[in-house]
PDB file of N, CA and C in Angstrom:
ATOM      1  N   MET A   1     -33.420 -70.511 -22.435  1.00  0.00           N
ATOM      2  CA  MET A   1     -34.602 -70.567 -23.269  1.00  0.00           C
ATOM      3  C   MET A   1     -34.951 -72.032 -23.518  1.00  0.00           C
ATOM      4  N   ALA A   2     -36.220 -72.344 -23.368  1.00  0.00           N
ATOM      5  CA  ALA A   2     -36.696 -73.696 -23.658  1.00  0.00           C
ATOM      6  C   ALA A   2     -36.607 -73.939 -25.161  1.00  0.00           C
ATOM      7  N   ASN A   3     -36.735 -75.185 -25.563  1.00  0.00           N
ATOM      8  CA  ASN A   3     -36.586 -75.523 -26.977  1.00  0.00           C
ATOM      9  C   ASN A   3     -37.771 -76.357 -27.472  1.00  0.00           C
ATOM     10  N   PHE A   4     -38.991 -75.899 -27.175  1.00  0.00           N
ATOM     11  CA  PHE A   4     -40.168 -76.607 -27.657  1.00  0.00           C
ATOM     12  C   PHE A   4     -40.339 -76.373 -29.149  1.00  0.00           C
ATOM     13  N   LYS A   5     -40.975 -77.324 -29.803  1.00  0.00           N
ATOM     14  CA  LYS A   5     -41.203 -77.247 -31.249  1.00  0.00           C
ATOM     15  C   LYS A   5     -42.703 -77.130 -31.527  1.00  0.00           C
ATOM     16  N   ARG A   6     -43.009 -76.809 -32.735  1.00  0.00           N
ATOM     17  CA  ARG A   6     -44.393 -76.672 -33.174  1.00  0.00           C
ATOM     18  C   ARG A   6     -45.208 -77.925 -32.840  1.00  0.00           C
ATOM     19  N   SER A   7     -44.599 -79.073 -32.987  1.00  0.00           N
ATOM     20  CA  SER A   7     -45.294 -80.339 -32.730  1.00  0.00           C
ATOM     21  C   SER A   7     -45.619 -80.547 -31.248  1.00  0.00           C
ATOM     22  N   ASP A   8     -44.998 -79.770 -30.349  1.00  0.00           N
ATOM     23  CA  ASP A   8     -45.278 -79.882 -28.923  1.00  0.00           C
ATOM     24  C   ASP A   8     -46.552 -79.141 -28.517  1.00  0.00           C
ATOM     25  N   LEU A   9     -46.989 -78.211 -29.343  1.00  0.00           N
ATOM     26  CA  LEU A   9     -48.185 -77.430 -29.027  1.00  0.00           C
ATOM     27  C   LEU A   9     -49.431 -78.280 -29.210  1.00  0.00           C
ATOM     28  N   LYS A  10     -50.400 -78.118 -28.337  1.00  0.00           N
ATOM     29  CA  LYS A  10     -51.617 -78.925 -28.434  1.00  0.00           C
ATOM     30  C   LYS A  10     -52.762 -78.182 -29.104  1.00  0.00           C
ATOM     31  N   LEU A  11     -52.754 -76.854 -29.034  1.00  0.00           N
ATOM     32  CA  LEU A  11     -53.829 -76.076 -29.631  1.00  0.00           C
ATOM     33  C   LEU A  11     -53.546 -75.811 -31.106  1.00  0.00           C
ATOM     34  N   THR A  12     -54.577 -75.427 -31.816  1.00  0.00           N
ATOM     35  CA  THR A  12     -54.442 -75.116 -33.240  1.00  0.00           C
ATOM     36  C   THR A  12     -54.168 -73.630 -33.405  1.00  0.00           C
ATOM     37  N   TYR A  13     -53.160 -73.304 -34.188  1.00  0.00           N
ATOM     38  CA  TYR A  13     -52.758 -71.924 -34.424  1.00  0.00           C
ATOM     39  C   TYR A  13     -52.677 -71.650 -35.915  1.00  0.00           C
ATOM     40  N   SER A  14     -52.751 -70.375 -36.240  1.00  0.00           N
ATOM     41  CA  SER A  14     -52.447 -69.931 -37.594  1.00  0.00           C
ATOM     42  C   SER A  14     -50.927 -69.796 -37.678  1.00  0.00           C
ATOM     43  N   TRP A  15     -50.366 -70.160 -38.801  1.00  0.00           N
ATOM     44  CA  TRP A  15     -48.910 -70.070 -38.983  1.00  0.00           C
ATOM     45  C   TRP A  15     -48.543 -69.188 -40.169  1.00  0.00           C
ATOM     46  N   THR A  16     -49.479 -68.397 -40.633  1.00  0.00           N
ATOM     47  CA  THR A  16     -49.199 -67.496 -41.750  1.00  0.00           C
ATOM     48  C   THR A  16     -49.572 -66.073 -41.362  1.00  0.00           C
ATOM     49  N   ALA A  17     -48.746 -65.140 -41.733  1.00  0.00           N
ATOM     50  CA  ALA A  17     -49.036 -63.729 -41.474  1.00  0.00           C
ATOM     51  C   ALA A  17     -50.101 -63.265 -42.454  1.00  0.00           C
ATOM     52  N   SER A  18     -51.124 -62.599 -41.938  1.00  0.00           N
ATOM     53  CA  SER A  18     -52.213 -62.173 -42.806  1.00  0.00           C
ATOM     54  C   SER A  18     -52.253 -60.672 -43.013  1.00  0.00           C
ATOM     55  N   ALA A  19     -51.885 -59.897 -42.023  1.00  0.00           N
ATOM     56  CA  ALA A  19     -51.932 -58.449 -42.144  1.00  0.00           C
ATOM     57  C   ALA A  19     -50.594 -57.908 -42.636  1.00  0.00           C
ATOM     58  N   GLU A  20     -50.636 -56.726 -43.190  1.00  0.00           N
ATOM     59  CA  GLU A  20     -49.432 -56.106 -43.738  1.00  0.00           C
ATOM     60  C   GLU A  20     -48.343 -55.943 -42.682  1.00  0.00           C
ATOM     61  N   ASN A  21     -48.709 -55.591 -41.463  1.00  0.00           N
ATOM     62  CA  ASN A  21     -47.736 -55.386 -40.390  1.00  0.00           C
ATOM     63  C   ASN A  21     -47.495 -56.644 -39.564  1.00  0.00           C
ATOM     64  N   ASP A  22     -47.968 -57.765 -40.031  1.00  0.00           N
ATOM     65  CA  ASP A  22     -47.856 -59.024 -39.302  1.00  0.00           C
ATOM     66  C   ASP A  22     -46.868 -59.913 -40.050  1.00  0.00           C
ATOM     67  N   ASN A  23     -45.620 -59.910 -39.627  1.00  0.00           N
ATOM     68  CA  ASN A  23     -44.570 -60.607 -40.353  1.00  0.00           C
ATOM     69  C   ASN A  23     -44.132 -61.851 -39.582  1.00  0.00           C
ATOM     70  N   ALA A  24     -44.360 -63.002 -40.156  1.00  0.00           N
ATOM     71  CA  ALA A  24     -44.026 -64.268 -39.488  1.00  0.00           C
ATOM     72  C   ALA A  24     -42.532 -64.438 -39.255  1.00  0.00           C
ATOM     73  N   ARG A  25     -41.707 -63.690 -39.948  1.00  0.00           N
ATOM     74  CA  ARG A  25     -40.258 -63.818 -39.782  1.00  0.00           C
ATOM     75  C   ARG A  25     -39.732 -63.002 -38.611  1.00  0.00           C
ATOM     76  N   ILE A  26     -40.556 -62.131 -38.061  1.00  0.00           N
ATOM     77  CA  ILE A  26     -40.129 -61.310 -36.939  1.00  0.00           C
ATOM     78  C   ILE A  26     -40.545 -61.998 -35.648  1.00  0.00           C
ATOM     79  N   THR A  27     -39.577 -62.505 -34.933  1.00  0.00           N
ATOM     80  CA  THR A  27     -39.866 -63.217 -33.682  1.00  0.00           C
ATOM     81  C   THR A  27     -39.014 -62.657 -32.556  1.00  0.00           C
ATOM     82  N   GLY A  28     -38.706 -61.376 -32.622  1.00  0.00           N
ATOM     83  CA  GLY A  28     -37.837 -60.738 -31.641  1.00  0.00           C
ATOM     84  C   GLY A  28     -38.423 -60.690 -30.248  1.00  0.00           C
ATOM     85  N   VAL A  29     -37.694 -60.063 -29.360  1.00  0.00           N
ATOM     86  CA  VAL A  29     -38.019 -60.081 -27.951  1.00  0.00           C
ATOM     87  C   VAL A  29     -38.521 -58.745 -27.409  1.00  0.00           C
ATOM     88  N   PRO A  30     -38.743 -57.719 -28.215  1.00  0.00           N
ATOM     89  CA  PRO A  30     -39.119 -56.430 -27.616  1.00  0.00           C
ATOM     90  C   PRO A  30     -40.334 -56.573 -26.705  1.00  0.00           C
ATOM     91  N   ASP A  31     -40.210 -56.004 -25.503  1.00  0.00           N
ATOM     92  CA  ASP A  31     -41.303 -56.101 -24.529  1.00  0.00           C
ATOM     93  C   ASP A  31     -42.554 -55.390 -24.998  1.00  0.00           C
ATOM     94  N   SER A  32     -42.400 -54.426 -25.903  1.00  0.00           N
ATOM     95  CA  SER A  32     -43.561 -53.667 -26.360  1.00  0.00           C
ATOM     96  C   SER A  32     -44.327 -54.384 -27.474  1.00  0.00           C
ATOM     97  N   THR A  33     -43.740 -55.438 -28.025  1.00  0.00           N
ATOM     98  CA  THR A  33     -44.387 -56.191 -29.096  1.00  0.00           C
ATOM     99  C   THR A  33     -45.683 -56.801 -28.588  1.00  0.00           C
ATOM    100  N   LEU A  34     -46.724 -56.699 -29.408  1.00  0.00           N
ATOM    101  CA  LEU A  34     -48.015 -57.271 -29.034  1.00  0.00           C
ATOM    102  C   LEU A  34     -48.053 -58.746 -29.395  1.00  0.00           C
ATOM    103  N   LEU A  35     -48.566 -59.544 -28.490  1.00  0.00           N
ATOM    104  CA  LEU A  35     -48.659 -60.987 -28.688  1.00  0.00           C
ATOM    105  C   LEU A  35     -50.040 -61.333 -29.224  1.00  0.00           C
ATOM    106  N   ASP A  36     -50.084 -61.997 -30.358  1.00  0.00           N
ATOM    107  CA  ASP A  36     -51.345 -62.514 -30.890  1.00  0.00           C
ATOM    108  C   ASP A  36     -51.434 -63.970 -30.485  1.00  0.00           C
ATOM    109  N   ARG A  37     -52.358 -64.279 -29.591  1.00  0.00           N
ATOM    110  CA  ARG A  37     -52.470 -65.616 -29.014  1.00  0.00           C
ATOM    111  C   ARG A  37     -52.952 -66.669 -29.993  1.00  0.00           C
ATOM    112  N   HIS A  38     -53.280 -66.260 -31.191  1.00  0.00           N
ATOM    113  CA  HIS A  38     -53.773 -67.209 -32.192  1.00  0.00           C
ATOM    114  C   HIS A  38     -52.738 -67.481 -33.286  1.00  0.00           C
ATOM    115  N   GLU A  39     -51.593 -66.830 -33.211  1.00  0.00           N
ATOM    116  CA  GLU A  39     -50.516 -67.008 -34.186  1.00  0.00           C
ATOM    117  C   GLU A  39     -49.415 -67.864 -33.575  1.00  0.00           C
ATOM    118  N   GLY A  40     -49.250 -69.063 -34.104  1.00  0.00           N
ATOM    119  CA  GLY A  40     -48.271 -69.987 -33.560  1.00  0.00           C
ATOM    120  C   GLY A  40     -46.857 -69.460 -33.608  1.00  0.00           C
ATOM    121  N   TYR A  41     -46.520 -68.716 -34.680  1.00  0.00           N
ATOM    122  CA  TYR A  41     -45.155 -68.202 -34.804  1.00  0.00           C
ATOM    123  C   TYR A  41     -44.872 -67.096 -33.791  1.00  0.00           C
ATOM    124  N   GLU A  42     -45.905 -66.570 -33.130  1.00  0.00           N
ATOM    125  CA  GLU A  42     -45.701 -65.614 -32.047  1.00  0.00           C
ATOM    126  C   GLU A  42     -45.745 -66.314 -30.690  1.00  0.00           C
ATOM    127  N   VAL A  43     -46.677 -67.242 -30.515  1.00  0.00           N
ATOM    128  CA  VAL A  43     -46.864 -67.931 -29.232  1.00  0.00           C
ATOM    129  C   VAL A  43     -45.677 -68.833 -28.906  1.00  0.00           C
ATOM    130  N   LEU A  44     -45.217 -69.605 -29.859  1.00  0.00           N
ATOM    131  CA  LEU A  44     -44.142 -70.571 -29.583  1.00  0.00           C
ATOM    132  C   LEU A  44     -42.861 -69.894 -29.100  1.00  0.00           C
ATOM    133  N   PRO A  45     -42.330 -68.874 -29.781  1.00  0.00           N
ATOM    134  CA  PRO A  45     -41.115 -68.223 -29.259  1.00  0.00           C
ATOM    135  C   PRO A  45     -41.352 -67.546 -27.905  1.00  0.00           C
ATOM    136  N   PHE A  46     -42.540 -66.953 -27.723  1.00  0.00           N
ATOM    137  CA  PHE A  46     -42.845 -66.324 -26.435  1.00  0.00           C
ATOM    138  C   PHE A  46     -42.800 -67.358 -25.314  1.00  0.00           C
ATOM    139  N   LEU A  47     -43.474 -68.496 -25.510  1.00  0.00           N
ATOM    140  CA  LEU A  47     -43.497 -69.522 -24.470  1.00  0.00           C
ATOM    141  C   LEU A  47     -42.120 -70.146 -24.257  1.00  0.00           C
ATOM    142  N   ASN A  48     -41.343 -70.298 -25.307  1.00  0.00           N
ATOM    143  CA  ASN A  48     -39.974 -70.813 -25.141  1.00  0.00           C
ATOM    144  C   ASN A  48     -39.151 -69.863 -24.273  1.00  0.00           C
ATOM    145  N   ARG A  49     -39.295 -68.557 -24.478  1.00  0.00           N
ATOM    146  CA  ARG A  49     -38.568 -67.598 -23.641  1.00  0.00           C
ATOM    147  C   ARG A  49     -39.117 -67.603 -22.217  1.00  0.00           C
ATOM    148  N   TYR A  50     -40.434 -67.629 -22.091  1.00  0.00           N
ATOM    149  CA  TYR A  50     -41.051 -67.569 -20.762  1.00  0.00           C
ATOM    150  C   TYR A  50     -40.716 -68.804 -19.930  1.00  0.00           C
ATOM    151  N   LEU A  51     -40.750 -69.958 -20.538  1.00  0.00           N
ATOM    152  CA  LEU A  51     -40.506 -71.196 -19.794  1.00  0.00           C
ATOM    153  C   LEU A  51     -39.039 -71.438 -19.515  1.00  0.00           C
ATOM    154  N   ASN A  52     -38.173 -70.654 -20.117  1.00  0.00           N
ATOM    155  CA  ASN A  52     -36.752 -70.709 -19.844  1.00  0.00           C
ATOM    156  C   ASN A  52     -36.176 -72.097 -20.067  1.00  0.00           C
ATOM    157  N   ASN A  53     -35.921 -72.857 -19.018  1.00  0.00           N
ATOM    158  CA  ASN A  53     -35.271 -74.161 -19.155  1.00  0.00           C
ATOM    159  C   ASN A  53     -36.215 -75.332 -18.908  1.00  0.00           C
ATOM    160  N   SER A  54     -37.509 -75.074 -18.892  1.00  0.00           N
ATOM    161  CA  SER A  54     -38.468 -76.148 -18.641  1.00  0.00           C
ATOM    162  C   SER A  54     -38.457 -77.148 -19.791  1.00  0.00           C
ATOM    163  N   THR A  55     -38.574 -78.405 -19.459  1.00  0.00           N
ATOM    164  CA  THR A  55     -38.639 -79.435 -20.495  1.00  0.00           C
ATOM    165  C   THR A  55     -39.983 -80.153 -20.467  1.00  0.00           C
ATOM    166  N   SER A  56     -40.905 -79.634 -19.684  1.00  0.00           N
ATOM    167  CA  SER A  56     -42.189 -80.287 -19.518  1.00  0.00           C
ATOM    168  C   SER A  56     -43.199 -79.811 -20.573  1.00  0.00           C
ATOM    169  N   VAL A  57     -43.569 -80.724 -21.456  1.00  0.00           N
ATOM    170  CA  VAL A  57     -44.568 -80.404 -22.474  1.00  0.00           C
ATOM    171  C   VAL A  57     -45.915 -80.149 -21.800  1.00  0.00           C
ATOM    172  N   SER A  58     -46.178 -80.818 -20.691  1.00  0.00           N
ATOM    173  CA  SER A  58     -47.448 -80.594 -19.996  1.00  0.00           C
ATOM    174  C   SER A  58     -47.539 -79.159 -19.477  1.00  0.00           C
ATOM    175  N   THR A  59     -46.430 -78.586 -19.016  1.00  0.00           N
ATOM    176  CA  THR A  59     -46.419 -77.183 -18.580  1.00  0.00           C
ATOM    177  C   THR A  59     -46.655 -76.266 -19.772  1.00  0.00           C
ATOM    178  N   LEU A  60     -46.009 -76.554 -20.881  1.00  0.00           N
ATOM    179  CA  LEU A  60     -46.227 -75.785 -22.109  1.00  0.00           C
ATOM    180  C   LEU A  60     -47.702 -75.806 -22.479  1.00  0.00           C
ATOM    181  N   ASN A  61     -48.306 -76.969 -22.452  1.00  0.00           N
ATOM    182  CA  ASN A  61     -49.707 -77.110 -22.835  1.00  0.00           C
ATOM    183  C   ASN A  61     -50.646 -76.414 -21.848  1.00  0.00           C
ATOM    184  N   ARG A  62     -50.320 -76.441 -20.566  1.00  0.00           N
ATOM    185  CA  ARG A  62     -51.119 -75.706 -19.570  1.00  0.00           C
ATOM    186  C   ARG A  62     -51.055 -74.218 -19.837  1.00  0.00           C
ATOM    187  N   LEU A  63     -49.861 -73.722 -20.179  1.00  0.00           N
ATOM    188  CA  LEU A  63     -49.718 -72.297 -20.486  1.00  0.00           C
ATOM    189  C   LEU A  63     -50.472 -71.912 -21.749  1.00  0.00           C
ATOM    190  N   GLU A  64     -50.509 -72.795 -22.720  1.00  0.00           N
ATOM    191  CA  GLU A  64     -51.313 -72.526 -23.917  1.00  0.00           C
ATOM    192  C   GLU A  64     -52.766 -72.285 -23.527  1.00  0.00           C
ATOM    193  N   ASP A  65     -53.301 -73.156 -22.684  1.00  0.00           N
ATOM    194  CA  ASP A  65     -54.685 -73.011 -22.232  1.00  0.00           C
ATOM    195  C   ASP A  65     -54.889 -71.700 -21.491  1.00  0.00           C
ATOM    196  N   VAL A  66     -53.946 -71.359 -20.621  1.00  0.00           N
ATOM    197  CA  VAL A  66     -54.048 -70.126 -19.846  1.00  0.00           C
ATOM    198  C   VAL A  66     -54.048 -68.911 -20.779  1.00  0.00           C
ATOM    199  N   LEU A  67     -53.144 -68.899 -21.752  1.00  0.00           N
ATOM    200  CA  LEU A  67     -53.095 -67.778 -22.691  1.00  0.00           C
ATOM    201  C   LEU A  67     -54.389 -67.656 -23.484  1.00  0.00           C
ATOM    202  N   ARG A  68     -54.917 -68.756 -23.920  1.00  0.00           N
ATOM    203  CA  ARG A  68     -56.101 -68.739 -24.770  1.00  0.00           C
ATOM    204  C   ARG A  68     -57.372 -68.460 -23.976  1.00  0.00           C
ATOM    205  N   ASP A  69     -57.485 -69.024 -22.745  1.00  0.00           N
ATOM    206  CA  ASP A  69     -58.758 -68.995 -22.026  1.00  0.00           C
ATOM    207  C   ASP A  69     -58.837 -68.024 -20.847  1.00  0.00           C
ATOM    208  N   GLU A  70     -57.711 -67.658 -20.258  1.00  0.00           N
ATOM    209  CA  GLU A  70     -57.762 -66.874 -19.022  1.00  0.00           C
ATOM    210  C   GLU A  70     -57.132 -65.495 -19.116  1.00  0.00           C
ATOM    211  N   LEU A  71     -56.156 -65.319 -19.974  1.00  0.00           N
ATOM    212  CA  LEU A  71     -55.482 -64.029 -20.098  1.00  0.00           C
ATOM    213  C   LEU A  71     -56.479 -62.983 -20.591  1.00  0.00           C
ATOM    214  N   PRO A  72     -56.614 -61.854 -19.874  1.00  0.00           N
ATOM    215  CA  PRO A  72     -57.544 -60.813 -20.331  1.00  0.00           C
ATOM    216  C   PRO A  72     -57.179 -60.310 -21.731  1.00  0.00           C
ATOM    217  N   GLY A  73     -58.187 -60.054 -22.537  1.00  0.00           N
ATOM    218  CA  GLY A  73     -57.966 -59.599 -23.906  1.00  0.00           C
ATOM    219  C   GLY A  73     -57.217 -58.288 -24.005  1.00  0.00           C
ATOM    220  N   SER A  74     -57.279 -57.474 -22.957  1.00  0.00           N
ATOM    221  CA  SER A  74     -56.587 -56.182 -22.970  1.00  0.00           C
ATOM    222  C   SER A  74     -55.103 -56.312 -22.637  1.00  0.00           C
ATOM    223  N   THR A  75     -54.665 -57.488 -22.224  1.00  0.00           N
ATOM    224  CA  THR A  75     -53.258 -57.727 -21.905  1.00  0.00           C
ATOM    225  C   THR A  75     -52.590 -58.268 -23.157  1.00  0.00           C
ATOM    226  N   ARG A  76     -51.784 -57.399 -23.827  1.00  0.00           N
ATOM    227  CA  ARG A  76     -51.277 -57.786 -25.135  1.00  0.00           C
ATOM    228  C   ARG A  76     -49.759 -57.705 -25.299  1.00  0.00           C
ATOM    229  N   SER A  77     -49.100 -56.739 -24.647  1.00  0.00           N
ATOM    230  CA  SER A  77     -47.655 -56.624 -24.865  1.00  0.00           C
ATOM    231  C   SER A  77     -46.937 -57.781 -24.181  1.00  0.00           C
ATOM    232  N   HIS A  78     -45.799 -58.154 -24.721  1.00  0.00           N
ATOM    233  CA  HIS A  78     -45.025 -59.254 -24.141  1.00  0.00           C
ATOM    234  C   HIS A  78     -44.745 -58.994 -22.661  1.00  0.00           C
ATOM    235  N   ALA A  79     -44.377 -57.764 -22.329  1.00  0.00           N
ATOM    236  CA  ALA A  79     -44.063 -57.436 -20.935  1.00  0.00           C
ATOM    237  C   ALA A  79     -45.280 -57.621 -20.043  1.00  0.00           C
ATOM    238  N   ASN A  80     -46.445 -57.167 -20.500  1.00  0.00           N
ATOM    239  CA  ASN A  80     -47.657 -57.284 -19.689  1.00  0.00           C
ATOM    240  C   ASN A  80     -48.146 -58.726 -19.599  1.00  0.00           C
ATOM    241  N   VAL A  81     -47.995 -59.492 -20.676  1.00  0.00           N
ATOM    242  CA  VAL A  81     -48.386 -60.906 -20.644  1.00  0.00           C
ATOM    243  C   VAL A  81     -47.486 -61.651 -19.665  1.00  0.00           C
ATOM    244  N   LYS A  82     -46.180 -61.380 -19.723  1.00  0.00           N
ATOM    245  CA  LYS A  82     -45.243 -62.026 -18.796  1.00  0.00           C
ATOM    246  C   LYS A  82     -45.588 -61.670 -17.352  1.00  0.00           C
ATOM    247  N   LYS A  83     -45.859 -60.390 -17.079  1.00  0.00           N
ATOM    248  CA  LYS A  83     -46.210 -59.969 -15.728  1.00  0.00           C
ATOM    249  C   LYS A  83     -47.491 -60.656 -15.274  1.00  0.00           C
ATOM    250  N   TRP A  84     -48.493 -60.731 -16.154  1.00  0.00           N
ATOM    251  CA  TRP A  84     -49.751 -61.378 -15.789  1.00  0.00           C
ATOM    252  C   TRP A  84     -49.521 -62.860 -15.478  1.00  0.00           C
ATOM    253  N   LEU A  85     -48.729 -63.526 -16.298  1.00  0.00           N
ATOM    254  CA  LEU A  85     -48.415 -64.930 -16.040  1.00  0.00           C
ATOM    255  C   LEU A  85     -47.678 -65.100 -14.716  1.00  0.00           C
ATOM    256  N   ASP A  86     -46.703 -64.222 -14.455  1.00  0.00           N
ATOM    257  CA  ASP A  86     -45.957 -64.287 -13.188  1.00  0.00           C
ATOM    258  C   ASP A  86     -46.897 -64.142 -11.993  1.00  0.00           C
ATOM    259  N   ASP A  87     -47.881 -63.260 -12.133  1.00  0.00           N
ATOM    260  CA  ASP A  87     -48.811 -62.980 -11.030  1.00  0.00           C
ATOM    261  C   ASP A  87     -49.916 -64.027 -10.881  1.00  0.00           C
ATOM    262  N   ASN A  88     -50.224 -64.751 -11.957  1.00  0.00           N
ATOM    263  CA  ASN A  88     -51.419 -65.606 -11.948  1.00  0.00           C
ATOM    264  C   ASN A  88     -51.180 -67.076 -12.261  1.00  0.00           C
ATOM    265  N   PHE A  89     -49.944 -67.460 -12.518  1.00  0.00           N
ATOM    266  CA  PHE A  89     -49.672 -68.836 -12.934  1.00  0.00           C
ATOM    267  C   PHE A  89     -48.467 -69.360 -12.178  1.00  0.00           C
ATOM    268  N   ASP A  90     -48.619 -70.493 -11.525  1.00  0.00           N
ATOM    269  CA  ASP A  90     -47.495 -71.147 -10.840  1.00  0.00           C
ATOM    270  C   ASP A  90     -46.949 -72.260 -11.723  1.00  0.00           C
ATOM    271  N   LEU A  91     -45.660 -72.174 -12.016  1.00  0.00           N
ATOM    272  CA  LEU A  91     -45.021 -73.212 -12.832  1.00  0.00           C
ATOM    273  C   LEU A  91     -44.865 -74.478 -12.041  1.00  0.00           C
TER     274      LEU A  91
END
């Protein structure tokens, strides 16, 4: 797992849970969990797991752009986002 920090992210994210079922303390790995691309506490752990051992902040930042601008809105579960990235993004 990569070890990027909040300060490594280039985009602006929300860092507070707003909905009743949206808990910022839950950062688990279930593949069925839906990823909210605008919540930093969800995006950062997801990208750290996805990037595995990468130490390149530029790769992290490119993936942020891809998640925000290119990932179809209907692709939401961690498993489906990972599959889409595998199919459409070269590290």
